[in-house]
Amino acid sequence: RQMAAQGGGAIVNTASVAGLKGAPRLATYA
């Protein structure tokens, strides 16, 4: 909302390699 109002910006979210493949015993985290 703020960036759109001001005309731009850049955002980075922290995912994980567990967001790209499976992670046994970490199913919910993945």
All heavy atoms as atom14 arrays in JSON, in Angstrom:
{
  "sequence": "RQMAAQGGGAIVNTASVAGLKGAPRLATYA",
  "atom14_mask": [
    [1, 1, 1, 1, 1, 1, 1, 1, 1, 1, 1, 0, 0, 0],
    [1, 1, 1, 1, 1, 1, 1, 1, 1, 0, 0, 0, 0, 0],
    [1, 1, 1, 1, 1, 1, 1, 1, 0, 0, 0, 0, 0, 0],
    [1, 1, 1, 1, 1, 0, 0, 0, 0, 0, 0, 0, 0, 0],
    [1, 1, 1, 1, 1, 0, 0, 0, 0, 0, 0, 0, 0, 0],
    [1, 1, 1, 1, 1, 1, 1, 1, 1, 0, 0, 0, 0, 0],
    [1, 1, 1, 1, 0, 0, 0, 0, 0, 0, 0, 0, 0, 0],
    [1, 1, 1, 1, 0, 0, 0, 0, 0, 0, 0, 0, 0, 0],
    [1, 1, 1, 1, 0, 0, 0, 0, 0, 0, 0, 0, 0, 0],
    [1, 1, 1, 1, 1, 0, 0, 0, 0, 0, 0, 0, 0, 0],
    [1, 1, 1, 1, 1, 1, 1, 1, 0, 0, 0, 0, 0, 0],
    [1, 1, 1, 1, 1, 1, 1, 0, 0, 0, 0, 0, 0, 0],
    [1, 1, 1, 1, 1, 1, 1, 1, 0, 0, 0, 0, 0, 0],
    [1, 1, 1, 1, 1, 1, 1, 0, 0, 0, 0, 0, 0, 0],
    [1, 1, 1, 1, 1, 0, 0, 0, 0, 0, 0, 0, 0, 0],
    [1, 1, 1, 1, 1, 1, 0, 0, 0, 0, 0, 0, 0, 0],
    [1, 1, 1, 1, 1, 1, 1, 0, 0, 0, 0, 0, 0, 0],
    [1, 1, 1, 1, 1, 0, 0, 0, 0, 0, 0, 0, 0, 0],
    [1, 1, 1, 1, 0, 0, 0, 0, 0, 0, 0, 0, 0, 0],
    [1, 1, 1, 1, 1, 1, 1, 1, 0, 0, 0, 0, 0, 0],
    [1, 1, 1, 1, 1, 1, 1, 1, 1, 0, 0, 0, 0, 0],
    [1, 1, 1, 1, 0, 0, 0, 0, 0, 0, 0, 0, 0, 0],
    [1, 1, 1, 1, 1, 0, 0, 0, 0, 0, 0, 0, 0, 0],
    [1, 1, 1, 1, 1, 1, 1, 0, 0, 0, 0, 0, 0, 0],
    [1, 1, 1, 1, 1, 1, 1, 1, 1, 1, 1, 0, 0, 0],
    [1, 1, 1, 1, 1, 1, 1, 1, 0, 0, 0, 0, 0, 0],
    [1, 1, 1, 1, 1, 0, 0, 0, 0, 0, 0, 0, 0, 0],
    [1, 1, 1, 1, 1, 1, 1, 0, 0, 0, 0, 0, 0, 0],
    [1, 1, 1, 1, 1, 1, 1, 1, 1, 1, 1, 1, 0, 0],
    [1, 1, 1, 1, 1, 0, 0, 0, 0, 0, 0, 0, 0, 0]
  ],
  "atom14_positions": [
    [[0.83, -1.2, 0.0], [0.0, 0.0, 0.0], [0.87, 1.25, 0.0], [0.64, 2.2, -0.76], [-0.92, 0.0, 1.22], [-2.09, -0.96, 1.13], [-2.89, -0.94, 2.43], [-4.1, -1.75, 2.32], [-4.93, -1.99, 3.33], [-4.69, -1.47, 4.53], [-6.01, -2.73, 3.15], [0.0, 0.0, 0.0], [0.0, 0.0, 0.0], [0.0, 0.0, 0.0]],
    [[1.89, 1.26, 0.84], [2.76, 2.42, 0.92], [3.58, 2.59, -0.35], [3.69, 3.7, -0.9], [3.69, 2.28, 2.13], [4.78, 3.34, 2.22], [4.24, 4.77, 2.3], [3.19, 4.99, 2.88], [4.95, 5.73, 1.73], [0.0, 0.0, 0.0], [0.0, 0.0, 0.0], [0.0, 0.0, 0.0], [0.0, 0.0, 0.0], [0.0, 0.0, 0.0]],
    [[4.16, 1.51, -0.83], [5.01, 1.61, -2.03], [4.21, 2.01, -3.26], [4.7, 2.78, -4.09], [5.74, 0.28, -2.25], [6.83, 0.01, -1.23], [7.68, -1.56, -1.54], [8.94, -1.51, -0.25], [0.0, 0.0, 0.0], [0.0, 0.0, 0.0], [0.0, 0.0, 0.0], [0.0, 0.0, 0.0], [0.0, 0.0, 0.0], [0.0, 0.0, 0.0]],
    [[3.0, 1.5, -3.38], [2.16, 1.88, -4.51], [1.83, 3.37, -4.45], [1.82, 4.07, -5.48], [0.88, 1.04, -4.53], [0.0, 0.0, 0.0], [0.0, 0.0, 0.0], [0.0, 0.0, 0.0], [0.0, 0.0, 0.0], [0.0, 0.0, 0.0], [0.0, 0.0, 0.0], [0.0, 0.0, 0.0], [0.0, 0.0, 0.0], [0.0, 0.0, 0.0]],
    [[1.56, 3.87, -3.24], [1.22, 5.28, -3.09], [2.39, 6.19, -3.4], [2.2, 7.3, -3.92], [0.72, 5.54, -1.66], [0.0, 0.0, 0.0], [0.0, 0.0, 0.0], [0.0, 0.0, 0.0], [0.0, 0.0, 0.0], [0.0, 0.0, 0.0], [0.0, 0.0, 0.0], [0.0, 0.0, 0.0], [0.0, 0.0, 0.0], [0.0, 0.0, 0.0]],
    [[3.6, 5.74, -3.12], [4.77, 6.6, -3.32], [5.44, 6.4, -4.69], [6.35, 7.13, -5.05], [5.8, 6.35, -2.21], [6.5, 5.0, -2.32], [7.35, 4.65, -1.12], [7.12, 5.1, 0.0], [8.37, 3.84, -1.34], [0.0, 0.0, 0.0], [0.0, 0.0, 0.0], [0.0, 0.0, 0.0], [0.0, 0.0, 0.0], [0.0, 0.0, 0.0]],
    [[5.02, 5.36, -5.42], [5.52, 5.18, -6.79], [6.56, 4.11, -7.0], [7.17, 4.05, -8.06], [0.0, 0.0, 0.0], [0.0, 0.0, 0.0], [0.0, 0.0, 0.0], [0.0, 0.0, 0.0], [0.0, 0.0, 0.0], [0.0, 0.0, 0.0], [0.0, 0.0, 0.0], [0.0, 0.0, 0.0], [0.0, 0.0, 0.0], [0.0, 0.0, 0.0]],
    [[6.76, 3.22, -6.01], [7.68, 2.1, -6.25], [8.41, 1.64, -5.02], [8.29, 2.23, -3.94], [0.0, 0.0, 0.0], [0.0, 0.0, 0.0], [0.0, 0.0, 0.0], [0.0, 0.0, 0.0], [0.0, 0.0, 0.0], [0.0, 0.0, 0.0], [0.0, 0.0, 0.0], [0.0, 0.0, 0.0], [0.0, 0.0, 0.0], [0.0, 0.0, 0.0]],
    [[9.16, 0.56, -5.19], [9.94, 0.0, -4.09], [10.39, -1.41, -4.43], [10.12, -1.93, -5.51], [0.0, 0.0, 0.0], [0.0, 0.0, 0.0], [0.0, 0.0, 0.0], [0.0, 0.0, 0.0], [0.0, 0.0, 0.0], [0.0, 0.0, 0.0], [0.0, 0.0, 0.0], [0.0, 0.0, 0.0], [0.0, 0.0, 0.0], [0.0, 0.0, 0.0]],
    [[11.08, -2.02, -3.49], [11.57, -3.39, -3.66], [11.36, -4.16, -2.36], [11.63, -3.63, -1.27], [13.04, -3.41, -4.05], [0.0, 0.0, 0.0], [0.0, 0.0, 0.0], [0.0, 0.0, 0.0], [0.0, 0.0, 0.0], [0.0, 0.0, 0.0], [0.0, 0.0, 0.0], [0.0, 0.0, 0.0], [0.0, 0.0, 0.0], [0.0, 0.0, 0.0]],
    [[10.9, -5.4, -2.5], [10.62, -6.25, -1.34], [11.3, -7.59, -1.54], [11.28, -8.15, -2.65], [9.11, -6.46, -1.16], [8.4, -5.13, -0.88], [8.83, -7.45, -0.03], [6.87, -5.23, -0.87], [0.0, 0.0, 0.0], [0.0, 0.0, 0.0], [0.0, 0.0, 0.0], [0.0, 0.0, 0.0], [0.0, 0.0, 0.0], [0.0, 0.0, 0.0]],
    [[11.88, -8.11, -0.47], [12.42, -9.47, -0.47], [11.78, -10.22, 0.7], [11.77, -9.73, 1.83], [13.95, -9.5, -0.33], [14.46, -10.93, -0.23], [14.6, -8.79, -1.51], [0.0, 0.0, 0.0], [0.0, 0.0, 0.0], [0.0, 0.0, 0.0], [0.0, 0.0, 0.0], [0.0, 0.0, 0.0], [0.0, 0.0, 0.0], [0.0, 0.0, 0.0]],
    [[11.25, -11.4, 0.41], [10.7, -12.27, 1.44], [11.67, -13.42, 1.7], [12.27, -13.95, 0.76], [9.36, -12.86, 0.97], [8.33, -11.81, 0.68], [8.2, -10.83, 1.43], [7.59, -11.98, -0.4], [0.0, 0.0, 0.0], [0.0, 0.0, 0.0], [0.0, 0.0, 0.0], [0.0, 0.0, 0.0], [0.0, 0.0, 0.0], [0.0, 0.0, 0.0]],
    [[11.79, -13.83, 2.95], [12.61, -14.99, 3.26], [11.78, -16.25, 3.12], [10.84, -16.48, 3.89], [13.2, -14.92, 4.68], [14.09, -13.8, 4.77], [14.0, -16.19, 4.99], [0.0, 0.0, 0.0], [0.0, 0.0, 0.0], [0.0, 0.0, 0.0], [0.0, 0.0, 0.0], [0.0, 0.0, 0.0], [0.0, 0.0, 0.0], [0.0, 0.0, 0.0]],
    [[12.11, -17.06, 2.13], [11.53, -18.4, 2.0], [12.59, -19.38, 2.5], [13.14, -19.2, 3.58], [11.1, -18.67, 0.55], [0.0, 0.0, 0.0], [0.0, 0.0, 0.0], [0.0, 0.0, 0.0], [0.0, 0.0, 0.0], [0.0, 0.0, 0.0], [0.0, 0.0, 0.0], [0.0, 0.0, 0.0], [0.0, 0.0, 0.0], [0.0, 0.0, 0.0]],
    [[12.9, -20.4, 1.72], [13.85, -21.42, 2.15], [14.02, -22.42, 1.02], [13.17, -22.51, 0.12], [13.32, -22.15, 3.4], [14.07, -23.32, 3.69], [0.0, 0.0, 0.0], [0.0, 0.0, 0.0], [0.0, 0.0, 0.0], [0.0, 0.0, 0.0], [0.0, 0.0, 0.0], [0.0, 0.0, 0.0], [0.0, 0.0, 0.0], [0.0, 0.0, 0.0]],
    [[15.09, -23.21, 1.06], [15.16, -24.34, 0.13], [13.98, -25.28, 0.39], [13.56, -26.01, -0.51], [16.49, -25.1, 0.25], [17.64, -24.26, -0.26], [16.76, -25.57, 1.68], [0.0, 0.0, 0.0], [0.0, 0.0, 0.0], [0.0, 0.0, 0.0], [0.0, 0.0, 0.0], [0.0, 0.0, 0.0], [0.0, 0.0, 0.0], [0.0, 0.0, 0.0]],
    [[13.43, -25.24, 1.62], [12.24, -26.03, 1.93], [11.0, -25.47, 1.26], [9.93, -26.07, 1.33], [12.03, -26.12, 3.44], [0.0, 0.0, 0.0], [0.0, 0.0, 0.0], [0.0, 0.0, 0.0], [0.0, 0.0, 0.0], [0.0, 0.0, 0.0], [0.0, 0.0, 0.0], [0.0, 0.0, 0.0], [0.0, 0.0, 0.0], [0.0, 0.0, 0.0]],
    [[11.12, -24.32, 0.61], [10.04, -23.8, -0.21], [10.17, -24.2, -1.66], [9.33, -23.88, -2.49], [0.0, 0.0, 0.0], [0.0, 0.0, 0.0], [0.0, 0.0, 0.0], [0.0, 0.0, 0.0], [0.0, 0.0, 0.0], [0.0, 0.0, 0.0], [0.0, 0.0, 0.0], [0.0, 0.0, 0.0], [0.0, 0.0, 0.0], [0.0, 0.0, 0.0]],
    [[11.24, -24.95, -1.97], [11.51, -25.39, -3.33], [11.49, -26.9, -3.47], [11.43, -27.42, -4.59], [12.88, -24.87, -3.78], [13.07, -23.34, -3.74], [14.51, -22.98, -4.07], [12.1, -22.64, -4.69], [0.0, 0.0, 0.0], [0.0, 0.0, 0.0], [0.0, 0.0, 0.0], [0.0, 0.0, 0.0], [0.0, 0.0, 0.0], [0.0, 0.0, 0.0]],
    [[11.58, -27.61, -2.34], [11.57, -29.07, -2.36], [11.02, -29.56, -1.02], [10.76, -28.76, -0.12], [12.98, -29.61, -2.6], [14.01, -29.18, -1.57], [15.42, -29.6, -1.96], [15.56, -31.11, -2.02], [16.95, -31.53, -2.31], [0.0, 0.0, 0.0], [0.0, 0.0, 0.0], [0.0, 0.0, 0.0], [0.0, 0.0, 0.0], [0.0, 0.0, 0.0]],
    [[10.87, -30.87, -0.9], [10.34, -31.42, 0.35], [11.35, -31.38, 1.48], [12.56, -31.27, 1.26], [0.0, 0.0, 0.0], [0.0, 0.0, 0.0], [0.0, 0.0, 0.0], [0.0, 0.0, 0.0], [0.0, 0.0, 0.0], [0.0, 0.0, 0.0], [0.0, 0.0, 0.0], [0.0, 0.0, 0.0], [0.0, 0.0, 0.0], [0.0, 0.0, 0.0]],
    [[10.84, -31.48, 2.7], [11.69, -31.44, 3.89], [11.12, -32.42, 4.91], [10.24, -32.06, 5.69], [11.76, -30.03, 4.47], [0.0, 0.0, 0.0], [0.0, 0.0, 0.0], [0.0, 0.0, 0.0], [0.0, 0.0, 0.0], [0.0, 0.0, 0.0], [0.0, 0.0, 0.0], [0.0, 0.0, 0.0], [0.0, 0.0, 0.0], [0.0, 0.0, 0.0]],
    [[11.6, -33.66, 4.93], [11.08, -34.65, 5.88], [11.19, -34.18, 7.32], [12.17, -33.56, 7.72], [11.98, -35.87, 5.63], [12.46, -35.7, 4.23], [12.62, -34.23, 4.04], [0.0, 0.0, 0.0], [0.0, 0.0, 0.0], [0.0, 0.0, 0.0], [0.0, 0.0, 0.0], [0.0, 0.0, 0.0], [0.0, 0.0, 0.0], [0.0, 0.0, 0.0]],
    [[10.15, -34.45, 8.08], [10.01, -34.04, 9.48], [9.87, -32.52, 9.65], [9.89, -32.02, 10.76], [11.15, -34.58, 10.35], [11.32, -36.09, 10.27], [12.4, -36.58, 11.22], [11.91, -36.65, 12.59], [11.29, -37.71, 13.14], [11.07, -38.78, 12.41], [10.9, -37.69, 14.4], [0.0, 0.0, 0.0], [0.0, 0.0, 0.0], [0.0, 0.0, 0.0]],
    [[9.7, -31.85, 8.53], [9.49, -30.4, 8.54], [8.36, -30.05, 7.57], [8.4, -29.05, 6.87], [10.77, -29.66, 8.11], [11.98, -29.75, 9.04], [13.22, -29.21, 8.33], [11.74, -29.0, 10.33], [0.0, 0.0, 0.0], [0.0, 0.0, 0.0], [0.0, 0.0, 0.0], [0.0, 0.0, 0.0], [0.0, 0.0, 0.0], [0.0, 0.0, 0.0]],
    [[7.33, -30.9, 7.54], [6.29, -30.75, 6.52], [5.56, -29.41, 6.62], [5.3, -28.76, 5.6], [5.29, -31.91, 6.63], [0.0, 0.0, 0.0], [0.0, 0.0, 0.0], [0.0, 0.0, 0.0], [0.0, 0.0, 0.0], [0.0, 0.0, 0.0], [0.0, 0.0, 0.0], [0.0, 0.0, 0.0], [0.0, 0.0, 0.0], [0.0, 0.0, 0.0]],
    [[5.23, -29.0, 7.82], [4.5, -27.74, 7.98], [5.4, -26.56, 7.62], [4.97, -25.62, 6.95], [3.97, -27.59, 9.41], [3.17, -28.73, 9.73], [3.14, -26.33, 9.56], [0.0, 0.0, 0.0], [0.0, 0.0, 0.0], [0.0, 0.0, 0.0], [0.0, 0.0, 0.0], [0.0, 0.0, 0.0], [0.0, 0.0, 0.0], [0.0, 0.0, 0.0]],
    [[6.64, -26.62, 8.08], [7.6, -25.57, 7.73], [7.76, -25.47, 6.22], [7.72, -24.38, 5.64], [8.95, -25.86, 8.4], [10.03, -24.88, 8.06], [10.09, -23.64, 8.68], [11.02, -25.19, 7.12], [11.09, -22.73, 8.38], [12.03, -24.3, 6.81], [12.05, -23.07, 7.44], [13.06, -22.17, 7.13], [0.0, 0.0, 0.0], [0.0, 0.0, 0.0]],
    [[7.93, -26.62, 5.55], [8.07, -26.63, 4.09], [6.83, -26.06, 3.42], [6.92, -25.29, 2.46], [8.35, -28.04, 3.6], [0.0, 0.0, 0.0], [0.0, 0.0, 0.0], [0.0, 0.0, 0.0], [0.0, 0.0, 0.0], [0.0, 0.0, 0.0], [0.0, 0.0, 0.0], [0.0, 0.0, 0.0], [0.0, 0.0, 0.0], [0.0, 0.0, 0.0]]
  ]
}
